[in-house]
Amino acid sequence: HSLEHLHTHEVPLALAEFRRVLKPDG
């Protein structure tokens, strides 16, 4: 319940950050 607090244009930025910090098998 964190993504809904972002503005719509910020969601891709957050998801890109999730992907960036994850290990290749994460």
mmCIF file of all heavy atoms, coordinates in Angstrom:
data_MODEL
# 
_entry.id   MODEL 
# 
loop_
_atom_site.group_PDB 
_atom_site.id 
_atom_site.type_symbol 
_atom_site.label_atom_id 
_atom_site.label_alt_id 
_atom_site.label_comp_id 
_atom_site.label_asym_id 
_atom_site.label_entity_id 
_atom_site.label_seq_id 
_atom_site.pdbx_PDB_ins_code 
_atom_site.Cartn_x 
_atom_site.Cartn_y 
_atom_site.Cartn_z 
_atom_site.occupancy 
_atom_site.B_iso_or_equiv 
_atom_site.pdbx_formal_charge 
_atom_site.auth_seq_id 
_atom_site.auth_comp_id 
_atom_site.auth_asym_id 
_atom_site.auth_atom_id 
_atom_site.pdbx_PDB_model_num 
ATOM 1   N N   . HIS A 1 1  ? 0.824  -1.208  0.000   1.00 0.00 ? 1  HIS A N   1 
ATOM 2   C CA  . HIS A 1 1  ? 0.000  0.000   0.000   1.00 0.00 ? 1  HIS A CA  1 
ATOM 3   C C   . HIS A 1 1  ? 0.863  1.265   0.000   1.00 0.00 ? 1  HIS A C   1 
ATOM 4   O O   . HIS A 1 1  ? 0.637  2.191   0.783   1.00 0.00 ? 1  HIS A O   1 
ATOM 5   C CB  . HIS A 1 1  ? -0.962 -0.013  1.188   1.00 0.00 ? 1  HIS A CB  1 
ATOM 6   C CG  . HIS A 1 1  ? -2.034 -1.055  1.052   1.00 0.00 ? 1  HIS A CG  1 
ATOM 7   N ND1 . HIS A 1 1  ? -3.299 -0.753  0.622   1.00 0.00 ? 1  HIS A ND1 1 
ATOM 8   C CD2 . HIS A 1 1  ? -2.018 -2.402  1.233   1.00 0.00 ? 1  HIS A CD2 1 
ATOM 9   C CE1 . HIS A 1 1  ? -4.025 -1.871  0.566   1.00 0.00 ? 1  HIS A CE1 1 
ATOM 10  N NE2 . HIS A 1 1  ? -3.256 -2.878  0.923   1.00 0.00 ? 1  HIS A NE2 1 
ATOM 11  N N   . SER A 1 2  ? 1.835  1.282   -0.881  1.00 0.00 ? 2  SER A N   1 
ATOM 12  C CA  . SER A 1 2  ? 2.689  2.456   -1.029  1.00 0.00 ? 2  SER A CA  1 
ATOM 13  C C   . SER A 1 2  ? 2.573  3.086   -2.412  1.00 0.00 ? 2  SER A C   1 
ATOM 14  O O   . SER A 1 2  ? 2.632  4.309   -2.538  1.00 0.00 ? 2  SER A O   1 
ATOM 15  C CB  . SER A 1 2  ? 4.153  2.100   -0.745  1.00 0.00 ? 2  SER A CB  1 
ATOM 16  O OG  . SER A 1 2  ? 4.609  1.066   -1.595  1.00 0.00 ? 2  SER A OG  1 
ATOM 17  N N   . LEU A 1 3  ? 2.380  2.285   -3.455  1.00 0.00 ? 3  LEU A N   1 
ATOM 18  C CA  . LEU A 1 3  ? 2.358  2.832   -4.818  1.00 0.00 ? 3  LEU A CA  1 
ATOM 19  C C   . LEU A 1 3  ? 1.204  3.799   -5.041  1.00 0.00 ? 3  LEU A C   1 
ATOM 20  O O   . LEU A 1 3  ? 1.335  4.770   -5.805  1.00 0.00 ? 3  LEU A O   1 
ATOM 21  C CB  . LEU A 1 3  ? 2.282  1.701   -5.848  1.00 0.00 ? 3  LEU A CB  1 
ATOM 22  C CG  . LEU A 1 3  ? 3.518  0.816   -5.989  1.00 0.00 ? 3  LEU A CG  1 
ATOM 23  C CD1 . LEU A 1 3  ? 3.272  -0.266  -7.030  1.00 0.00 ? 3  LEU A CD1 1 
ATOM 24  C CD2 . LEU A 1 3  ? 4.743  1.641   -6.366  1.00 0.00 ? 3  LEU A CD2 1 
ATOM 25  N N   . GLU A 1 4  ? 0.067  3.561   -4.388  1.00 0.00 ? 4  GLU A N   1 
ATOM 26  C CA  . GLU A 1 4  ? -1.094 4.425   -4.606  1.00 0.00 ? 4  GLU A CA  1 
ATOM 27  C C   . GLU A 1 4  ? -0.887 5.829   -4.046  1.00 0.00 ? 4  GLU A C   1 
ATOM 28  O O   . GLU A 1 4  ? -1.640 6.746   -4.382  1.00 0.00 ? 4  GLU A O   1 
ATOM 29  C CB  . GLU A 1 4  ? -2.357 3.801   -4.008  1.00 0.00 ? 4  GLU A CB  1 
ATOM 30  C CG  . GLU A 1 4  ? -2.360 3.653   -2.509  1.00 0.00 ? 4  GLU A CG  1 
ATOM 31  C CD  . GLU A 1 4  ? -1.801 2.322   -2.050  1.00 0.00 ? 4  GLU A CD  1 
ATOM 32  O OE1 . GLU A 1 4  ? -1.110 1.648   -2.849  1.00 0.00 ? 4  GLU A OE1 1 
ATOM 33  O OE2 . GLU A 1 4  ? -2.044 1.944   -0.893  1.00 0.00 ? 4  GLU A OE2 1 
ATOM 34  N N   . HIS A 1 5  ? 0.125  6.015   -3.209  1.00 0.00 ? 5  HIS A N   1 
ATOM 35  C CA  . HIS A 1 5  ? 0.410  7.347   -2.669  1.00 0.00 ? 5  HIS A CA  1 
ATOM 36  C C   . HIS A 1 5  ? 1.215  8.201   -3.650  1.00 0.00 ? 5  HIS A C   1 
ATOM 37  O O   . HIS A 1 5  ? 1.350  9.413   -3.450  1.00 0.00 ? 5  HIS A O   1 
ATOM 38  C CB  . HIS A 1 5  ? 1.163  7.238   -1.347  1.00 0.00 ? 5  HIS A CB  1 
ATOM 39  C CG  . HIS A 1 5  ? 0.389  6.547   -0.271  1.00 0.00 ? 5  HIS A CG  1 
ATOM 40  N ND1 . HIS A 1 5  ? -0.687 7.126   0.364   1.00 0.00 ? 5  HIS A ND1 1 
ATOM 41  C CD2 . HIS A 1 5  ? 0.506  5.302   0.258   1.00 0.00 ? 5  HIS A CD2 1 
ATOM 42  C CE1 . HIS A 1 5  ? -1.188 6.281   1.258   1.00 0.00 ? 5  HIS A CE1 1 
ATOM 43  N NE2 . HIS A 1 5  ? -0.478 5.166   1.202   1.00 0.00 ? 5  HIS A NE2 1 
ATOM 44  N N   . LEU A 1 6  ? 1.729  7.572   -4.688  1.00 0.00 ? 6  LEU A N   1 
ATOM 45  C CA  . LEU A 1 6  ? 2.483  8.304   -5.702  1.00 0.00 ? 6  LEU A CA  1 
ATOM 46  C C   . LEU A 1 6  ? 1.530  8.909   -6.716  1.00 0.00 ? 6  LEU A C   1 
ATOM 47  O O   . LEU A 1 6  ? 0.381  8.481   -6.852  1.00 0.00 ? 6  LEU A O   1 
ATOM 48  C CB  . LEU A 1 6  ? 3.451  7.366   -6.424  1.00 0.00 ? 6  LEU A CB  1 
ATOM 49  C CG  . LEU A 1 6  ? 4.449  6.597   -5.551  1.00 0.00 ? 6  LEU A CG  1 
ATOM 50  C CD1 . LEU A 1 6  ? 5.251  5.642   -6.416  1.00 0.00 ? 6  LEU A CD1 1 
ATOM 51  C CD2 . LEU A 1 6  ? 5.356  7.565   -4.804  1.00 0.00 ? 6  LEU A CD2 1 
ATOM 52  N N   . HIS A 1 7  ? 2.011  9.911   -7.453  1.00 0.00 ? 7  HIS A N   1 
ATOM 53  C CA  . HIS A 1 7  ? 1.264  10.387  -8.613  1.00 0.00 ? 7  HIS A CA  1 
ATOM 54  C C   . HIS A 1 7  ? 1.485  9.413   -9.765  1.00 0.00 ? 7  HIS A C   1 
ATOM 55  O O   . HIS A 1 7  ? 2.485  8.672   -9.793  1.00 0.00 ? 7  HIS A O   1 
ATOM 56  C CB  . HIS A 1 7  ? 1.726  11.790  -9.001  1.00 0.00 ? 7  HIS A CB  1 
ATOM 57  C CG  . HIS A 1 7  ? 1.341  12.840  -7.996  1.00 0.00 ? 7  HIS A CG  1 
ATOM 58  N ND1 . HIS A 1 7  ? 0.064  13.352  -7.930  1.00 0.00 ? 7  HIS A ND1 1 
ATOM 59  C CD2 . HIS A 1 7  ? 2.059  13.450  -7.018  1.00 0.00 ? 7  HIS A CD2 1 
ATOM 60  C CE1 . HIS A 1 7  ? 0.008  14.245  -6.953  1.00 0.00 ? 7  HIS A CE1 1 
ATOM 61  N NE2 . HIS A 1 7  ? 1.198  14.321  -6.386  1.00 0.00 ? 7  HIS A NE2 1 
ATOM 62  N N   . THR A 1 8  ? 0.555  9.397   -10.702 1.00 0.00 ? 8  THR A N   1 
ATOM 63  C CA  . THR A 1 8  ? 0.595  8.411   -11.776 1.00 0.00 ? 8  THR A CA  1 
ATOM 64  C C   . THR A 1 8  ? 1.926  8.418   -12.518 1.00 0.00 ? 8  THR A C   1 
ATOM 65  O O   . THR A 1 8  ? 2.491  7.354   -12.824 1.00 0.00 ? 8  THR A O   1 
ATOM 66  C CB  . THR A 1 8  ? -0.554 8.677   -12.763 1.00 0.00 ? 8  THR A CB  1 
ATOM 67  O OG1 . THR A 1 8  ? -1.806 8.588   -12.057 1.00 0.00 ? 8  THR A OG1 1 
ATOM 68  C CG2 . THR A 1 8  ? -0.552 7.660   -13.891 1.00 0.00 ? 8  THR A CG2 1 
ATOM 69  N N   . HIS A 1 9  ? 2.472  9.607   -12.773 1.00 0.00 ? 9  HIS A N   1 
ATOM 70  C CA  . HIS A 1 9  ? 3.723  9.675   -13.531 1.00 0.00 ? 9  HIS A CA  1 
ATOM 71  C C   . HIS A 1 9  ? 4.928  9.214   -12.708 1.00 0.00 ? 9  HIS A C   1 
ATOM 72  O O   . HIS A 1 9  ? 5.997  8.952   -13.262 1.00 0.00 ? 9  HIS A O   1 
ATOM 73  C CB  . HIS A 1 9  ? 3.968  11.101  -14.035 1.00 0.00 ? 9  HIS A CB  1 
ATOM 74  C CG  . HIS A 1 9  ? 4.297  12.086  -12.955 1.00 0.00 ? 9  HIS A CG  1 
ATOM 75  N ND1 . HIS A 1 9  ? 3.328  12.689  -12.178 1.00 0.00 ? 9  HIS A ND1 1 
ATOM 76  C CD2 . HIS A 1 9  ? 5.496  12.555  -12.492 1.00 0.00 ? 9  HIS A CD2 1 
ATOM 77  C CE1 . HIS A 1 9  ? 3.910  13.500  -11.299 1.00 0.00 ? 9  HIS A CE1 1 
ATOM 78  N NE2 . HIS A 1 9  ? 5.221  13.436  -11.466 1.00 0.00 ? 9  HIS A NE2 1 
ATOM 79  N N   . GLU A 1 10 ? 4.754  9.079   -11.384 1.00 0.00 ? 10 GLU A N   1 
ATOM 80  C CA  . GLU A 1 10 ? 5.851  8.641   -10.520 1.00 0.00 ? 10 GLU A CA  1 
ATOM 81  C C   . GLU A 1 10 ? 5.916  7.123   -10.386 1.00 0.00 ? 10 GLU A C   1 
ATOM 82  O O   . GLU A 1 10 ? 6.958  6.574   -9.988  1.00 0.00 ? 10 GLU A O   1 
ATOM 83  C CB  . GLU A 1 10 ? 5.704  9.266   -9.137  1.00 0.00 ? 10 GLU A CB  1 
ATOM 84  C CG  . GLU A 1 10 ? 5.869  10.774  -9.112  1.00 0.00 ? 10 GLU A CG  1 
ATOM 85  C CD  . GLU A 1 10 ? 5.616  11.361  -7.751  1.00 0.00 ? 10 GLU A CD  1 
ATOM 86  O OE1 . GLU A 1 10 ? 4.664  10.905  -7.075  1.00 0.00 ? 10 GLU A OE1 1 
ATOM 87  O OE2 . GLU A 1 10 ? 6.361  12.279  -7.354  1.00 0.00 ? 10 GLU A OE2 1 
ATOM 88  N N   . VAL A 1 11 ? 4.825  6.438   -10.703 1.00 0.00 ? 11 VAL A N   1 
ATOM 89  C CA  . VAL A 1 11 ? 4.789  4.983   -10.544 1.00 0.00 ? 11 VAL A CA  1 
ATOM 90  C C   . VAL A 1 11 ? 5.884  4.291   -11.357 1.00 0.00 ? 11 VAL A C   1 
ATOM 91  O O   . VAL A 1 11 ? 6.607  3.433   -10.826 1.00 0.00 ? 11 VAL A O   1 
ATOM 92  C CB  . VAL A 1 11 ? 3.396  4.429   -10.886 1.00 0.00 ? 11 VAL A CB  1 
ATOM 93  C CG1 . VAL A 1 11 ? 3.412  2.903   -10.925 1.00 0.00 ? 11 VAL A CG1 1 
ATOM 94  C CG2 . VAL A 1 11 ? 2.368  4.911   -9.874  1.00 0.00 ? 11 VAL A CG2 1 
ATOM 95  N N   . PRO A 1 12 ? 6.073  4.621   -12.655 1.00 0.00 ? 12 PRO A N   1 
ATOM 96  C CA  . PRO A 1 12 ? 7.159  3.978   -13.406 1.00 0.00 ? 12 PRO A CA  1 
ATOM 97  C C   . PRO A 1 12 ? 8.531  4.227   -12.789 1.00 0.00 ? 12 PRO A C   1 
ATOM 98  O O   . PRO A 1 12 ? 9.411  3.353   -12.863 1.00 0.00 ? 12 PRO A O   1 
ATOM 99  C CB  . PRO A 1 12 ? 7.056  4.608   -14.797 1.00 0.00 ? 12 PRO A CB  1 
ATOM 100 C CG  . PRO A 1 12 ? 5.630  5.040   -14.909 1.00 0.00 ? 12 PRO A CG  1 
ATOM 101 C CD  . PRO A 1 12 ? 5.261  5.491   -13.529 1.00 0.00 ? 12 PRO A CD  1 
ATOM 102 N N   . LEU A 1 13 ? 8.729  5.380   -12.163 1.00 0.00 ? 13 LEU A N   1 
ATOM 103 C CA  . LEU A 1 13 ? 10.006 5.675   -11.523 1.00 0.00 ? 13 LEU A CA  1 
ATOM 104 C C   . LEU A 1 13 ? 10.243 4.736   -10.336 1.00 0.00 ? 13 LEU A C   1 
ATOM 105 O O   . LEU A 1 13 ? 11.348 4.216   -10.149 1.00 0.00 ? 13 LEU A O   1 
ATOM 106 C CB  . LEU A 1 13 ? 10.045 7.129   -11.055 1.00 0.00 ? 13 LEU A CB  1 
ATOM 107 C CG  . LEU A 1 13 ? 9.857  8.204   -12.126 1.00 0.00 ? 13 LEU A CG  1 
ATOM 108 C CD1 . LEU A 1 13 ? 9.861  9.589   -11.489 1.00 0.00 ? 13 LEU A CD1 1 
ATOM 109 C CD2 . LEU A 1 13 ? 10.951 8.104   -13.187 1.00 0.00 ? 13 LEU A CD2 1 
ATOM 110 N N   . ALA A 1 14 ? 9.203  4.522   -9.536  1.00 0.00 ? 14 ALA A N   1 
ATOM 111 C CA  . ALA A 1 14 ? 9.324  3.624   -8.385  1.00 0.00 ? 14 ALA A CA  1 
ATOM 112 C C   . ALA A 1 14 ? 9.569  2.191   -8.835  1.00 0.00 ? 14 ALA A C   1 
ATOM 113 O O   . ALA A 1 14 ? 10.426 1.490   -8.276  1.00 0.00 ? 14 ALA A O   1 
ATOM 114 C CB  . ALA A 1 14 ? 8.068  3.709   -7.526  1.00 0.00 ? 14 ALA A CB  1 
ATOM 115 N N   . LEU A 1 15 ? 8.838  1.744   -9.846  1.00 0.00 ? 15 LEU A N   1 
ATOM 116 C CA  . LEU A 1 15 ? 9.009  0.365   -10.319 1.00 0.00 ? 15 LEU A CA  1 
ATOM 117 C C   . LEU A 1 15 ? 10.386 0.164   -10.933 1.00 0.00 ? 15 LEU A C   1 
ATOM 118 O O   . LEU A 1 15 ? 10.991 -0.914  -10.789 1.00 0.00 ? 15 LEU A O   1 
ATOM 119 C CB  . LEU A 1 15 ? 7.919  0.014   -11.327 1.00 0.00 ? 15 LEU A CB  1 
ATOM 120 C CG  . LEU A 1 15 ? 6.481  0.073   -10.794 1.00 0.00 ? 15 LEU A CG  1 
ATOM 121 C CD1 . LEU A 1 15 ? 5.499  -0.369  -11.860 1.00 0.00 ? 15 LEU A CD1 1 
ATOM 122 C CD2 . LEU A 1 15 ? 6.326  -0.780  -9.535  1.00 0.00 ? 15 LEU A CD2 1 
ATOM 123 N N   . ALA A 1 16 ? 10.903 1.193   -11.602 1.00 0.00 ? 16 ALA A N   1 
ATOM 124 C CA  . ALA A 1 16 ? 12.263 1.120   -12.134 1.00 0.00 ? 16 ALA A CA  1 
ATOM 125 C C   . ALA A 1 16 ? 13.280 1.012   -10.997 1.00 0.00 ? 16 ALA A C   1 
ATOM 126 O O   . ALA A 1 16 ? 14.290 0.296   -11.115 1.00 0.00 ? 16 ALA A O   1 
ATOM 127 C CB  . ALA A 1 16 ? 12.563 2.338   -13.004 1.00 0.00 ? 16 ALA A CB  1 
ATOM 128 N N   . GLU A 1 17 ? 13.015 1.693   -9.887  1.00 0.00 ? 17 GLU A N   1 
ATOM 129 C CA  . GLU A 1 17 ? 13.889 1.599   -8.727  1.00 0.00 ? 17 GLU A CA  1 
ATOM 130 C C   . GLU A 1 17 ? 13.824 0.199   -8.106  1.00 0.00 ? 17 GLU A C   1 
ATOM 131 O O   . GLU A 1 17 ? 14.843 -0.358  -7.690  1.00 0.00 ? 17 GLU A O   1 
ATOM 132 C CB  . GLU A 1 17 ? 13.514 2.646   -7.685  1.00 0.00 ? 17 GLU A CB  1 
ATOM 133 C CG  . GLU A 1 17 ? 14.030 4.029   -7.979  1.00 0.00 ? 17 GLU A CG  1 
ATOM 134 C CD  . GLU A 1 17 ? 15.543 4.090   -7.854  1.00 0.00 ? 17 GLU A CD  1 
ATOM 135 O OE1 . GLU A 1 17 ? 16.234 3.780   -8.856  1.00 0.00 ? 17 GLU A OE1 1 
ATOM 136 O OE2 . GLU A 1 17 ? 16.057 4.415   -6.773  1.00 0.00 ? 17 GLU A OE2 1 
ATOM 137 N N   . PHE A 1 18 ? 12.621 -0.380  -8.044  1.00 0.00 ? 18 PHE A N   1 
ATOM 138 C CA  . PHE A 1 18 ? 12.496 -1.743  -7.525  1.00 0.00 ? 18 PHE A CA  1 
ATOM 139 C C   . PHE A 1 18 ? 13.370 -2.686  -8.350  1.00 0.00 ? 18 PHE A C   1 
ATOM 140 O O   . PHE A 1 18 ? 14.106 -3.510  -7.800  1.00 0.00 ? 18 PHE A O   1 
ATOM 141 C CB  . PHE A 1 18 ? 11.044 -2.215  -7.583  1.00 0.00 ? 18 PHE A CB  1 
ATOM 142 C CG  . PHE A 1 18 ? 10.103 -1.504  -6.645  1.00 0.00 ? 18 PHE A CG  1 
ATOM 143 C CD1 . PHE A 1 18 ? 8.755  -1.803  -6.643  1.00 0.00 ? 18 PHE A CD1 1 
ATOM 144 C CD2 . PHE A 1 18 ? 10.554 -0.521  -5.776  1.00 0.00 ? 18 PHE A CD2 1 
ATOM 145 C CE1 . PHE A 1 18 ? 7.873  -1.162  -5.789  1.00 0.00 ? 18 PHE A CE1 1 
ATOM 146 C CE2 . PHE A 1 18 ? 9.681  0.141   -4.912  1.00 0.00 ? 18 PHE A CE2 1 
ATOM 147 C CZ  . PHE A 1 18 ? 8.338  -0.189  -4.922  1.00 0.00 ? 18 PHE A CZ  1 
ATOM 148 N N   . ARG A 1 19 ? 13.273 -2.557  -9.667  1.00 0.00 ? 19 ARG A N   1 
ATOM 149 C CA  . ARG A 1 19 ? 14.045 -3.437  -10.553 1.00 0.00 ? 19 ARG A CA  1 
ATOM 150 C C   . ARG A 1 19 ? 15.543 -3.170  -10.404 1.00 0.00 ? 19 ARG A C   1 
ATOM 151 O O   . ARG A 1 19 ? 16.348 -4.105  -10.416 1.00 0.00 ? 19 ARG A O   1 
ATOM 152 C CB  . ARG A 1 19 ? 13.591 -3.234  -12.000 1.00 0.00 ? 19 ARG A CB  1 
ATOM 153 C CG  . ARG A 1 19 ? 14.321 -4.120  -12.994 1.00 0.00 ? 19 ARG A CG  1 
ATOM 154 C CD  . ARG A 1 19 ? 13.643 -4.128  -14.358 1.00 0.00 ? 19 ARG A CD  1 
ATOM 155 N NE  . ARG A 1 19 ? 14.477 -4.755  -15.363 1.00 0.00 ? 19 ARG A NE  1 
ATOM 156 C CZ  . ARG A 1 19 ? 14.668 -6.058  -15.505 1.00 0.00 ? 19 ARG A CZ  1 
ATOM 157 N NH1 . ARG A 1 19 ? 14.050 -6.886  -14.681 1.00 0.00 ? 19 ARG A NH1 1 
ATOM 158 N NH2 . ARG A 1 19 ? 15.448 -6.544  -16.443 1.00 0.00 ? 19 ARG A NH2 1 
ATOM 159 N N   . ARG A 1 20 ? 15.919 -1.932  -10.231 1.00 0.00 ? 20 ARG A N   1 
ATOM 160 C CA  . ARG A 1 20 ? 17.339 -1.590  -10.142 1.00 0.00 ? 20 ARG A CA  1 
ATOM 161 C C   . ARG A 1 20 ? 18.001 -2.203  -8.912  1.00 0.00 ? 20 ARG A C   1 
ATOM 162 O O   . ARG A 1 20 ? 19.132 -2.702  -8.983  1.00 0.00 ? 20 ARG A O   1 
ATOM 163 C CB  . ARG A 1 20 ? 17.514 -0.061  -10.101 1.00 0.00 ? 20 ARG A CB  1 
ATOM 164 C CG  . ARG A 1 20 ? 18.972 0.397   -10.016 1.00 0.00 ? 20 ARG A CG  1 
ATOM 165 C CD  . ARG A 1 20 ? 19.084 1.894   -9.850  1.00 0.00 ? 20 ARG A CD  1 
ATOM 166 N NE  . ARG A 1 20 ? 18.530 2.382   -8.581  1.00 0.00 ? 20 ARG A NE  1 
ATOM 167 C CZ  . ARG A 1 20 ? 19.175 2.308   -7.411  1.00 0.00 ? 20 ARG A CZ  1 
ATOM 168 N NH1 . ARG A 1 20 ? 20.374 1.747   -7.331  1.00 0.00 ? 20 ARG A NH1 1 
ATOM 169 N NH2 . ARG A 1 20 ? 18.607 2.777   -6.313  1.00 0.00 ? 20 ARG A NH2 1 
ATOM 170 N N   . VAL A 1 21 ? 17.309 -2.162  -7.760  1.00 0.00 ? 21 VAL A N   1 
ATOM 171 C CA  . VAL A 1 21 ? 17.941 -2.619  -6.522  1.00 0.00 ? 21 VAL A CA  1 
ATOM 172 C C   . VAL A 1 21 ? 17.909 -4.135  -6.362  1.00 0.00 ? 21 VAL A C   1 
ATOM 173 O O   . VAL A 1 21 ? 18.614 -4.680  -5.507  1.00 0.00 ? 21 VAL A O   1 
ATOM 174 C CB  . VAL A 1 21 ? 17.292 -1.959  -5.286  1.00 0.00 ? 21 VAL A CB  1 
ATOM 175 C CG1 . VAL A 1 21 ? 17.365 -0.445  -5.383  1.00 0.00 ? 21 VAL A CG1 1 
ATOM 176 C CG2 . VAL A 1 21 ? 15.848 -2.429  -5.079  1.00 0.00 ? 21 VAL A CG2 1 
ATOM 177 N N   . LEU A 1 22 ? 17.116 -4.825  -7.184  1.00 0.00 ? 22 LEU A N   1 
ATOM 178 C CA  . LEU A 1 22 ? 16.989 -6.274  -7.043  1.00 0.00 ? 22 LEU A CA  1 
ATOM 179 C C   . LEU A 1 22 ? 18.158 -7.009  -7.686  1.00 0.00 ? 22 LEU A C   1 
ATOM 180 O O   . LEU A 1 22 ? 18.677 -6.612  -8.729  1.00 0.00 ? 22 LEU A O   1 
ATOM 181 C CB  . LEU A 1 22 ? 15.683 -6.755  -7.679  1.00 0.00 ? 22 LEU A CB  1 
ATOM 182 C CG  . LEU A 1 22 ? 14.414 -6.505  -6.873  1.00 0.00 ? 22 LEU A CG  1 
ATOM 183 C CD1 . LEU A 1 22 ? 13.180 -6.803  -7.723  1.00 0.00 ? 22 LEU A CD1 1 
ATOM 184 C CD2 . LEU A 1 22 ? 14.403 -7.356  -5.602  1.00 0.00 ? 22 LEU A CD2 1 
ATOM 185 N N   . LYS A 1 23 ? 18.530 -8.123  -7.064  1.00 0.00 ? 23 LYS A N   1 
ATOM 186 C CA  . LYS A 1 23 ? 19.516 -9.014  -7.660  1.00 0.00 ? 23 LYS A CA  1 
ATOM 187 C C   . LYS A 1 23 ? 18.895 -9.694  -8.887  1.00 0.00 ? 23 LYS A C   1 
ATOM 188 O O   . LYS A 1 23 ? 17.671 -9.730  -9.032  1.00 0.00 ? 23 LYS A O   1 
ATOM 189 C CB  . LYS A 1 23 ? 19.956 -10.054 -6.637  1.00 0.00 ? 23 LYS A CB  1 
ATOM 190 C CG  . LYS A 1 23 ? 20.683 -9.469  -5.432  1.00 0.00 ? 23 LYS A CG  1 
ATOM 191 C CD  . LYS A 1 23 ? 21.049 -10.564 -4.444  1.00 0.00 ? 23 LYS A CD  1 
ATOM 192 C CE  . LYS A 1 23 ? 21.769 -9.995  -3.225  1.00 0.00 ? 23 LYS A CE  1 
ATOM 193 N NZ  . LYS A 1 23 ? 22.118 -11.039 -2.229  1.00 0.00 ? 23 LYS A NZ  1 
ATOM 194 N N   . PRO A 1 24 ? 19.716 -10.263 -9.774  1.00 0.00 ? 24 PRO A N   1 
ATOM 195 C CA  . PRO A 1 24 ? 19.180 -10.896 -10.988 1.00 0.00 ? 24 PRO A CA  1 
ATOM 196 C C   . PRO A 1 24 ? 18.179 -12.018 -10.719 1.00 0.00 ? 24 PRO A C   1 
ATOM 197 O O   . PRO A 1 24 ? 17.347 -12.314 -11.578 1.00 0.00 ? 24 PRO A O   1 
ATOM 198 C CB  . PRO A 1 24 ? 20.438 -11.434 -11.681 1.00 0.00 ? 24 PRO A CB  1 
ATOM 199 C CG  . PRO A 1 24 ? 21.532 -10.522 -11.222 1.00 0.00 ? 24 PRO A CG  1 
ATOM 200 C CD  . PRO A 1 24 ? 21.192 -10.194 -9.788  1.00 0.00 ? 24 PRO A CD  1 
ATOM 201 N N   . ASP A 1 25 ? 18.236 -12.643 -9.526  1.00 0.00 ? 25 ASP A N   1 
ATOM 202 C CA  . ASP A 1 25 ? 17.279 -13.698 -9.197  1.00 0.00 ? 25 ASP A CA  1 
ATOM 203 C C   . ASP A 1 25 ? 16.261 -13.238 -8.153  1.00 0.00 ? 25 ASP A C   1 
ATOM 204 O O   . ASP A 1 25 ? 15.598 -14.054 -7.515  1.00 0.00 ? 25 ASP A O   1 
ATOM 205 C CB  . ASP A 1 25 ? 18.003 -14.945 -8.696  1.00 0.00 ? 25 ASP A CB  1 
ATOM 206 C CG  . ASP A 1 25 ? 18.828 -14.690 -7.430  1.00 0.00 ? 25 ASP A CG  1 
ATOM 207 O OD1 . ASP A 1 25 ? 19.017 -13.500 -7.077  1.00 0.00 ? 25 ASP A OD1 1 
ATOM 208 O OD2 . ASP A 1 25 ? 19.282 -15.667 -6.808  1.00 0.00 ? 25 ASP A OD2 1 
ATOM 209 N N   . GLY A 1 26 ? 16.122 -11.921 -7.994  1.00 0.00 ? 26 GLY A N   1 
ATOM 210 C CA  . GLY A 1 26 ? 15.221 -11.377 -6.990  1.00 0.00 ? 26 GLY A CA  1 
ATOM 211 C C   . GLY A 1 26 ? 13.799 -11.203 -7.487  1.00 0.00 ? 26 GLY A C   1 
ATOM 212 O O   . GLY A 1 26 ? 13.455 -11.532 -8.634  1.00 0.00 ? 26 GLY A O   1 
# 
